[in-house]
Amino acid sequence: MSVMTLRIPDDLDPSIRASAKAAGISLNAYIVRAARRQAVLDAAQKLAALGLGDDLAGEGDAL
């Protein structure tokens, strides 16, 4: 596991904290979930560009 320091702009901080609280998870878990989701979406877009489909196998996101 890696350790990272993340700088969040002051105007974005309250909404991220509120979203984590609403999801019932820690701020760290929320940010990791968001980063993982974005990595999956980026990879799916690359696959779609290769003609390998335009959805994430029923995961609820479309490209």
C-alpha atoms as a PDB file:
ATOM      1  CA  MET A   1       0.000   0.000   0.000  1.00  0.00           C
ATOM      2  CA  SER A   2       1.235   3.499  -0.805  1.00  0.00           C
ATOM      3  CA  VAL A   3       0.904   6.597   1.297  1.00  0.00           C
ATOM      4  CA  MET A   4      -0.033   9.815  -0.481  1.00  0.00           C
ATOM      5  CA  THR A   5      -0.631  13.394   0.522  1.00  0.00           C
ATOM      6  CA  LEU A   6      -3.605  14.968  -1.188  1.00  0.00           C
ATOM      7  CA  ARG A   7      -4.253  18.689  -1.296  1.00  0.00           C
ATOM      8  CA  ILE A   8      -7.929  19.535  -1.669  1.00  0.00           C
ATOM      9  CA  PRO A   9      -8.924  23.102  -2.578  1.00  0.00           C
ATOM     10  CA  ASP A  10     -10.700  24.836   0.299  1.00  0.00           C
ATOM     11  CA  ASP A  11     -13.874  25.322  -1.734  1.00  0.00           C
ATOM     12  CA  LEU A  12     -14.098  21.584  -2.544  1.00  0.00           C
ATOM     13  CA  ASP A  13     -13.298  20.228   0.924  1.00  0.00           C
ATOM     14  CA  PRO A  14     -16.756  20.645   2.513  1.00  0.00           C
ATOM     15  CA  SER A  15     -18.574  18.830  -0.284  1.00  0.00           C
ATOM     16  CA  ILE A  16     -16.113  15.918  -0.268  1.00  0.00           C
ATOM     17  CA  ARG A  17     -16.409  15.564   3.495  1.00  0.00           C
ATOM     18  CA  ALA A  18     -20.206  15.755   3.312  1.00  0.00           C
ATOM     19  CA  SER A  19     -20.314  13.123   0.570  1.00  0.00           C
ATOM     20  CA  ALA A  20     -18.116  10.767   2.585  1.00  0.00           C
ATOM     21  CA  LYS A  21     -20.298  11.259   5.643  1.00  0.00           C
ATOM     22  CA  ALA A  22     -23.479  10.684   3.618  1.00  0.00           C
ATOM     23  CA  ALA A  23     -21.973   7.473   2.240  1.00  0.00           C
ATOM     24  CA  GLY A  24     -21.174   6.388   5.797  1.00  0.00           C
ATOM     25  CA  ILE A  25     -17.468   5.905   5.110  1.00  0.00           C
ATOM     26  CA  SER A  26     -14.254   7.613   6.115  1.00  0.00           C
ATOM     27  CA  LEU A  27     -12.843  10.457   4.079  1.00  0.00           C
ATOM     28  CA  ASN A  28      -9.903   8.235   3.131  1.00  0.00           C
ATOM     29  CA  ALA A  29     -12.183   5.412   1.961  1.00  0.00           C
ATOM     30  CA  TYR A  30     -14.287   7.872  -0.041  1.00  0.00           C
ATOM     31  CA  ILE A  31     -11.264   9.303  -1.853  1.00  0.00           C
ATOM     32  CA  VAL A  32      -9.846   5.830  -2.551  1.00  0.00           C
ATOM     33  CA  ARG A  33     -13.244   4.749  -3.926  1.00  0.00           C
ATOM     34  CA  ALA A  34     -13.370   7.819  -6.197  1.00  0.00           C
ATOM     35  CA  ALA A  35      -9.818   7.225  -7.461  1.00  0.00           C
ATOM     36  CA  ARG A  36     -10.526   3.537  -8.107  1.00  0.00           C
ATOM     37  CA  ARG A  37     -13.747   4.346  -9.953  1.00  0.00           C
ATOM     38  CA  GLN A  38     -11.978   6.869 -12.160  1.00  0.00           C
ATOM     39  CA  ALA A  39      -9.190   4.388 -12.945  1.00  0.00           C
ATOM     40  CA  VAL A  40     -11.795   1.807 -14.007  1.00  0.00           C
ATOM     41  CA  LEU A  41     -13.601   4.349 -16.182  1.00  0.00           C
ATOM     42  CA  ASP A  42     -10.319   5.429 -17.814  1.00  0.00           C
ATOM     43  CA  ALA A  43      -9.426   1.813 -18.594  1.00  0.00           C
ATOM     44  CA  ALA A  44     -12.920   1.140 -19.963  1.00  0.00           C
ATOM     45  CA  GLN A  45     -12.680   4.148 -22.258  1.00  0.00           C
ATOM     46  CA  LYS A  46      -9.394   2.818 -23.616  1.00  0.00           C
ATOM     47  CA  LEU A  47     -11.021  -0.578 -24.252  1.00  0.00           C
ATOM     48  CA  ALA A  48     -13.998   1.084 -25.922  1.00  0.00           C
ATOM     49  CA  ALA A  49     -11.637   3.023 -28.186  1.00  0.00           C
ATOM     50  CA  LEU A  50     -10.308  -0.350 -29.292  1.00  0.00           C
ATOM     51  CA  GLY A  51     -13.855  -1.430 -30.140  1.00  0.00           C
ATOM     52  CA  LEU A  52     -14.253  -3.728 -27.162  1.00  0.00           C
ATOM     53  CA  GLY A  53     -17.629  -2.476 -25.929  1.00  0.00           C
ATOM     54  CA  ASP A  54     -19.226   0.656 -24.594  1.00  0.00           C
ATOM     55  CA  ASP A  55     -20.370  -0.339 -21.103  1.00  0.00           C
ATOM     56  CA  LEU A  56     -18.836  -1.797 -17.988  1.00  0.00           C
ATOM     57  CA  ALA A  57     -20.624  -5.157 -17.986  1.00  0.00           C
ATOM     58  CA  GLY A  58     -23.629  -3.972 -16.042  1.00  0.00           C
ATOM     59  CA  GLU A  59     -21.729  -1.933 -13.464  1.00  0.00           C
ATOM     60  CA  GLY A  60     -24.067   1.005 -14.057  1.00  0.00           C
ATOM     61  CA  ASP A  61     -21.706   3.296 -15.931  1.00  0.00           C
ATOM     62  CA  ALA A  62     -21.742   3.982 -19.632  1.00  0.00           C
ATOM     63  CA  LEU A  63     -18.908   5.429 -21.639  1.00  0.00           C
END
